[in-house]
Amino acid sequence: MKICIIGYRNHSKRLEKILHSLGYKDIFLFNHNVHPLKDIVEYDVFFISSPNNTHIKWIQELNKLDKYIFCEKPPVTTLEDLEKIIPYNPKLYFNFNYRFTKLATIVKKFIENKKIGEPIYMNCISSTGLAFKESFKNDWRFIGDNILSSIVGNVGIHYIDMIGYIFGGINNINIDNLHITSKKLPDTSKISVNSNNVRGDIFVSYAAPFYNEIKMIFTNGCIHLQNGILSLATPRDTFDNNERFVSPKHKIIYKSLNSREYFNTSLNDSIEFFLHHVKNDLDIPIEFHAQSINTTQTILEKINYD
């Protein structure tokens, strides 16, 4: 299988490394500044890992080849472009890999079996000091012209999609943005979502120390993720010697080396899911397409942001 990655930096190299680890060796990193378009026609599978606002251009170009396409999120950055990809293409896959995290898998099982009651609240924090790196001052993540090219479209969208995937869609969303180092696009965002009976808060920042944590509260327990370690605290009715409520003890239910390995595993699983469909000439599930469209539309159409 000959694989072409549209892109040649950072995430493109991360994808290449994962594909190599899965046994795929014939991989070409396409640099549009150097390579002619005709060079990609012979490839069997395509991964789009270019800046967010170029995704629609490559989707339309590659659709002409009738090949399988793995496109990084967000699918597009405008409502006008979203209209162009609403029709279902069974060979087009959008990489919302947080659907494949252990947290998402475990929580969906708990919702089904109700062992820790009903979900009530979810809080997600993801921050890193990327904005203070000299090499990123003129990066498209900070100087682009669309909210989905900012931290909202690069990090926040993962958590928004995961909440919608776990709880069955987003009813409404509000985004408050901060410009700590960036004058054009926000580098920090506070996102509030409502998914049926569950409330959620998401804080993402390129201007804070590294921190990664998710907390979920059910009526009969709490789930906690930090630095790649998932723990469960239950039952609600835990008391001290005086019959007063105390916090139940946390028990580790999944452990990664760190946050990077934890999320790399979900990316790896998402890629394997896609390639399984490629190798067996299967349609990408239509529900995956619909979820990707809905997540993107929610941000572009339903949000209030400054």
Protein backbone atom coordinates (compact mmCIF):
# COMPACT_ATOMS: atom_id res chain seq x y z
CA MET A 1 0.00 0.00 0.00
CA LYS A 2 1.43 3.36 -1.07
CA ILE A 3 0.51 6.18 1.31
CA CYS A 4 0.78 9.91 0.65
CA ILE A 5 0.64 12.41 3.52
CA ILE A 6 -0.34 15.93 2.45
CA GLY A 7 1.98 17.91 4.72
CA TYR A 8 5.61 17.72 5.71
CA ARG A 9 6.03 19.11 9.24
CA ASN A 10 5.11 18.35 12.87
CA HIS A 11 1.88 16.32 12.77
CA SER A 12 2.66 14.89 9.32
CA LYS A 13 5.86 13.41 10.73
CA ARG A 14 3.93 12.11 13.73
CA LEU A 15 1.54 10.31 11.37
CA GLU A 16 4.49 8.95 9.38
CA LYS A 17 6.07 7.56 12.55
CA ILE A 18 2.84 5.79 13.58
CA LEU A 19 2.37 4.35 10.08
CA HIS A 20 5.94 3.05 10.10
CA SER A 21 5.28 1.38 13.46
CA LEU A 22 2.26 -0.34 11.93
CA GLY A 23 4.42 -1.78 9.17
CA TYR A 24 3.73 0.69 6.34
CA LYS A 25 7.01 1.75 4.71
CA ASP A 26 6.03 3.27 1.34
CA ILE A 27 5.11 6.73 2.64
CA PHE A 28 5.54 10.06 0.83
CA LEU A 29 5.34 13.42 2.63
CA PHE A 30 3.96 15.82 0.02
CA ASN A 31 5.24 19.40 0.21
CA HIS A 32 3.14 21.58 -2.09
CA ASN A 33 5.97 24.13 -2.21
CA VAL A 34 8.31 21.59 -3.79
CA HIS A 35 6.42 18.67 -5.30
CA PRO A 36 4.16 18.85 -8.37
CA LEU A 37 0.57 17.70 -7.96
CA LYS A 38 1.02 14.97 -10.55
CA ASP A 39 3.36 13.15 -8.14
CA ILE A 40 0.48 12.07 -5.89
CA VAL A 41 -1.78 10.43 -8.47
CA GLU A 42 -0.10 7.01 -8.16
CA TYR A 43 -0.73 6.69 -4.39
CA ASP A 44 -3.38 4.40 -2.92
CA VAL A 45 -4.31 6.20 0.31
CA PHE A 46 -4.09 9.82 1.41
CA PHE A 47 -3.68 11.51 4.79
CA ILE A 48 -4.46 15.24 4.90
CA SER A 49 -2.33 16.96 7.54
CA SER A 50 -2.05 20.46 6.09
CA PRO A 51 -3.25 23.72 7.75
CA ASN A 52 -6.94 23.60 8.66
CA ASN A 53 -8.14 26.11 6.07
CA THR A 54 -6.63 24.01 3.25
CA HIS A 55 -8.52 20.80 4.09
CA ILE A 56 -11.42 21.54 1.74
CA LYS A 57 -9.05 22.17 -1.17
CA TRP A 58 -7.38 18.79 -0.69
CA ILE A 59 -10.63 16.91 -0.07
CA GLN A 60 -12.02 18.21 -3.36
CA GLU A 61 -8.78 17.49 -5.23
CA LEU A 62 -8.37 13.97 -3.85
CA ASN A 63 -12.03 13.06 -4.30
CA LYS A 64 -11.35 13.12 -8.04
CA LEU A 65 -9.02 10.13 -7.58
CA ASP A 66 -11.66 8.00 -5.84
CA LYS A 67 -9.21 6.90 -3.15
CA TYR A 68 -9.54 6.54 0.63
CA ILE A 69 -8.83 9.80 2.49
CA PHE A 70 -7.92 10.31 6.14
CA CYS A 71 -8.43 14.01 6.95
CA GLU A 72 -7.34 15.63 10.19
CA LYS A 73 -9.91 17.64 12.10
CA PRO A 74 -11.52 20.08 11.63
CA PRO A 75 -12.94 18.91 8.30
CA VAL A 76 -13.39 22.51 7.13
CA THR A 77 -13.29 26.02 8.62
CA THR A 78 -16.37 27.75 7.15
CA LEU A 79 -20.08 26.96 6.83
CA GLU A 80 -19.81 27.47 3.07
CA ASP A 81 -17.18 24.73 2.84
CA LEU A 82 -19.11 22.51 5.23
CA GLU A 83 -21.98 22.40 2.74
CA LYS A 84 -19.59 20.86 0.20
CA ILE A 85 -18.78 17.84 2.38
CA ILE A 86 -22.20 17.11 3.90
CA PRO A 87 -22.96 14.50 1.21
CA TYR A 88 -21.67 11.19 2.55
CA ASN A 89 -18.47 9.88 0.95
CA PRO A 90 -17.84 6.28 2.14
CA LYS A 91 -14.08 6.66 1.53
CA LEU A 92 -13.62 9.89 3.49
CA TYR A 93 -12.67 9.68 7.18
CA PHE A 94 -12.26 12.58 9.61
CA ASN A 95 -9.83 11.99 12.45
CA PHE A 96 -11.62 12.81 15.69
CA ASN A 97 -9.44 10.34 17.55
CA TYR A 98 -10.61 11.24 21.07
CA ARG A 99 -13.56 8.96 20.29
CA PHE A 100 -10.98 6.17 20.60
CA THR A 101 -9.58 7.22 23.98
CA LYS A 102 -9.89 4.81 26.90
CA LEU A 103 -11.95 7.45 28.72
CA ALA A 104 -14.57 7.58 25.94
CA THR A 105 -14.72 3.78 25.70
CA ILE A 106 -15.00 3.23 29.45
CA VAL A 107 -17.51 6.03 30.05
CA LYS A 108 -19.83 4.80 27.29
CA LYS A 109 -19.86 1.36 28.96
CA PHE A 110 -20.67 2.91 32.33
CA ILE A 111 -23.54 4.86 30.77
CA GLU A 112 -24.91 1.63 29.31
CA ASN A 113 -24.63 -0.51 32.45
CA LYS A 114 -25.41 2.35 34.91
CA LYS A 115 -22.96 0.90 37.46
CA ILE A 116 -22.00 4.40 38.60
CA GLY A 117 -25.37 6.01 37.98
CA GLU A 118 -26.19 8.82 35.58
CA PRO A 119 -23.62 11.30 34.18
CA ILE A 120 -23.98 14.89 35.38
CA TYR A 121 -20.86 16.94 34.63
CA MET A 122 -17.58 16.83 32.71
CA ASN A 123 -14.58 19.15 33.03
CA CYS A 124 -11.61 19.12 30.63
CA ILE A 125 -8.36 21.09 30.88
CA SER A 126 -5.62 21.02 28.25
CA SER A 127 -2.81 23.55 28.21
CA THR A 128 0.73 23.97 26.96
CA GLY A 129 3.10 26.91 26.55
CA LEU A 130 3.25 26.68 22.74
CA ALA A 131 2.43 30.38 22.30
CA PHE A 132 5.69 31.42 23.93
CA LYS A 133 7.89 29.45 21.56
CA GLU A 134 9.69 31.78 19.16
CA SER A 135 9.18 29.36 16.27
CA PHE A 136 5.38 29.57 16.60
CA LYS A 137 4.91 33.36 16.67
CA ASN A 138 3.99 33.48 12.99
CA ASP A 139 2.36 30.07 12.85
CA TRP A 140 -1.05 29.75 11.16
CA ARG A 141 -2.52 28.72 14.52
CA PHE A 142 -2.06 32.31 15.72
CA ILE A 143 -2.29 34.51 12.61
CA GLY A 144 -5.01 32.77 10.57
CA ASP A 145 -8.38 34.33 9.79
CA ASN A 146 -10.81 31.71 11.11
CA ILE A 147 -11.84 30.55 14.58
CA LEU A 148 -11.27 26.93 13.56
CA SER A 149 -7.65 27.69 12.75
CA SER A 150 -7.17 28.74 16.38
CA ILE A 151 -6.86 26.62 19.50
CA VAL A 152 -10.63 26.03 19.25
CA GLY A 153 -10.19 24.11 15.99
CA ASN A 154 -6.95 22.39 16.95
CA VAL A 155 -7.56 21.32 20.54
CA GLY A 156 -11.00 22.38 21.76
CA ILE A 157 -12.81 20.64 18.91
CA HIS A 158 -11.44 17.26 20.09
CA TYR A 159 -13.12 17.66 23.49
CA ILE A 160 -16.34 19.07 22.02
CA ASP A 161 -16.56 16.09 19.67
CA MET A 162 -15.76 13.61 22.46
CA ILE A 163 -18.55 15.00 24.65
CA GLY A 164 -20.99 14.84 21.74
CA TYR A 165 -19.86 11.29 20.91
CA ILE A 166 -20.22 10.05 24.49
CA PHE A 167 -23.50 11.73 25.37
CA GLY A 168 -25.29 11.85 22.03
CA GLY A 169 -24.75 15.33 20.61
CA ILE A 170 -24.31 18.94 21.68
CA ASN A 171 -27.43 21.02 22.38
CA ASN A 172 -25.70 24.36 22.77
CA ILE A 173 -22.22 25.78 23.14
CA ASN A 174 -20.59 29.02 24.23
CA ILE A 175 -16.96 30.04 23.72
CA ASP A 176 -15.13 32.81 25.55
CA ASN A 177 -11.73 33.63 24.07
CA LEU A 178 -8.58 35.28 25.38
CA HIS A 179 -5.69 36.78 23.40
CA ILE A 180 -2.75 36.51 25.78
CA THR A 181 0.08 36.44 23.24
CA SER A 182 -1.80 36.52 19.94
CA LYS A 183 -3.45 39.65 18.56
CA LYS A 184 -5.43 37.92 15.82
CA LEU A 185 -6.58 34.43 16.78
CA PRO A 186 -7.23 33.46 20.42
CA ASP A 187 -4.62 31.34 22.17
CA THR A 188 -6.84 30.51 25.14
CA SER A 189 -10.52 29.53 25.24
CA LYS A 190 -13.14 28.60 27.83
CA ILE A 191 -15.85 26.46 26.23
CA SER A 192 -19.16 25.58 27.89
CA VAL A 193 -21.36 22.87 26.41
CA ASN A 194 -24.72 21.28 27.14
CA SER A 195 -25.26 17.70 25.96
CA ASN A 196 -28.73 16.48 26.94
CA ASN A 197 -28.64 16.30 30.76
CA VAL A 198 -24.85 16.65 31.01
CA ARG A 199 -23.05 19.96 31.46
CA GLY A 200 -19.44 20.35 30.40
CA ASP A 201 -16.63 22.88 30.64
CA ILE A 202 -13.49 22.84 28.51
CA PHE A 203 -10.43 25.03 29.10
CA VAL A 204 -7.72 25.01 26.41
CA SER A 205 -4.66 27.23 26.27
CA TYR A 206 -1.42 27.69 24.37
CA ALA A 207 -0.32 30.22 27.02
CA ALA A 208 -0.15 28.20 30.25
CA PRO A 209 2.07 25.49 31.74
CA PHE A 210 1.46 21.95 30.52
CA TYR A 211 -1.58 20.46 32.18
CA ASN A 212 -3.96 17.74 31.06
CA GLU A 213 -6.90 16.57 33.12
CA ILE A 214 -10.49 15.38 32.73
CA LYS A 215 -13.00 14.92 35.54
CA MET A 216 -16.42 13.33 35.17
CA ILE A 217 -19.10 13.24 37.80
CA PHE A 218 -21.83 10.58 37.86
CA THR A 219 -24.55 10.21 40.48
CA ASN A 220 -22.70 7.25 42.01
CA GLY A 221 -19.05 7.87 41.19
CA CYS A 222 -16.36 10.05 39.66
CA ILE A 223 -13.87 9.34 36.88
CA HIS A 224 -10.54 11.14 36.75
CA LEU A 225 -7.90 11.30 34.02
CA GLN A 226 -4.54 12.95 34.62
CA ASN A 227 -1.20 12.35 32.93
CA GLY A 228 -2.56 9.27 31.17
CA ILE A 229 -3.89 7.60 34.32
CA LEU A 230 -7.62 6.85 34.61
CA SER A 231 -9.13 6.28 38.03
CA LEU A 232 -12.60 5.62 39.39
CA ALA A 233 -14.00 6.73 42.76
CA THR A 234 -17.21 5.03 43.90
CA PRO A 235 -19.69 4.59 45.60
CA ARG A 236 -21.35 7.90 46.45
CA ASP A 237 -22.46 6.55 49.85
CA THR A 238 -19.03 6.46 51.47
CA PHE A 239 -18.96 7.58 55.13
CA ASP A 240 -16.53 8.16 57.96
CA ASN A 241 -16.91 6.75 61.48
CA ASN A 242 -19.43 9.48 62.30
CA GLU A 243 -21.61 8.61 59.28
CA ARG A 244 -20.63 11.80 57.46
CA PHE A 245 -20.05 11.73 53.70
CA VAL A 246 -16.43 11.43 52.62
CA SER A 247 -14.90 11.15 49.16
CA PRO A 248 -14.66 7.55 47.94
CA LYS A 249 -11.15 6.25 47.27
CA HIS A 250 -9.81 6.30 43.73
CA LYS A 251 -8.93 3.01 42.06
CA ILE A 252 -6.76 3.00 38.91
CA ILE A 253 -8.62 1.42 35.98
CA TYR A 254 -6.19 2.26 33.14
CA LYS A 255 -2.61 3.49 33.07
CA SER A 256 -0.39 5.01 30.36
CA LEU A 257 3.16 6.26 30.82
CA ASN A 258 2.02 9.86 30.37
CA SER A 259 -0.53 12.08 28.59
CA ARG A 260 1.32 11.96 25.29
CA GLU A 261 1.29 8.16 25.21
CA TYR A 262 -2.37 8.15 26.23
CA PHE A 263 -3.46 10.35 23.32
CA ASN A 264 -0.97 8.73 20.92
CA THR A 265 -2.74 5.44 21.62
CA SER A 266 -6.07 6.95 20.57
CA LEU A 267 -4.47 8.35 17.40
CA ASN A 268 -2.93 4.96 16.68
CA ASP A 269 -6.30 3.25 17.20
CA SER A 270 -8.04 5.77 14.94
CA ILE A 271 -5.49 5.18 12.16
CA GLU A 272 -5.84 1.39 12.53
CA PHE A 273 -9.64 1.73 12.38
CA PHE A 274 -9.34 3.69 9.13
CA LEU A 275 -6.80 1.33 7.55
CA HIS A 276 -8.91 -1.70 8.48
CA HIS A 277 -11.67 -0.24 6.30
CA VAL A 278 -9.17 0.53 3.54
CA LYS A 279 -7.66 -2.97 3.46
CA ASN A 280 -11.09 -4.63 3.45
CA ASP A 281 -12.63 -2.15 0.99
CA LEU A 282 -15.31 -1.21 3.53
CA ASP A 283 -17.37 1.96 3.78
CA ILE A 284 -16.44 4.36 6.56
CA PRO A 285 -19.46 4.16 8.94
CA ILE A 286 -21.97 6.84 8.04
CA GLU A 287 -22.47 7.66 11.73
CA PHE A 288 -18.81 8.67 11.95
CA HIS A 289 -19.31 11.06 9.05
CA ALA A 290 -22.50 12.50 10.57
CA GLN A 291 -20.83 13.04 13.95
CA SER A 292 -17.93 14.89 12.29
CA ILE A 293 -20.31 17.14 10.37
CA ASN A 294 -22.39 17.84 13.47
CA THR A 295 -19.37 18.71 15.62
CA THR A 296 -18.05 21.15 13.02
CA GLN A 297 -21.47 22.68 12.38
CA THR A 298 -22.04 23.11 16.12
CA ILE A 299 -18.94 25.26 16.40
CA LEU A 300 -19.51 27.25 13.22
CA GLU A 301 -23.24 27.80 13.55
CA LYS A 302 -24.39 27.54 17.15
CA ILE A 303 -21.64 29.22 19.13
CA ASN A 304 -21.43 32.63 20.72
CA TYR A 305 -17.85 33.87 20.78
CA ASP A 306 -16.18 37.24 21.21
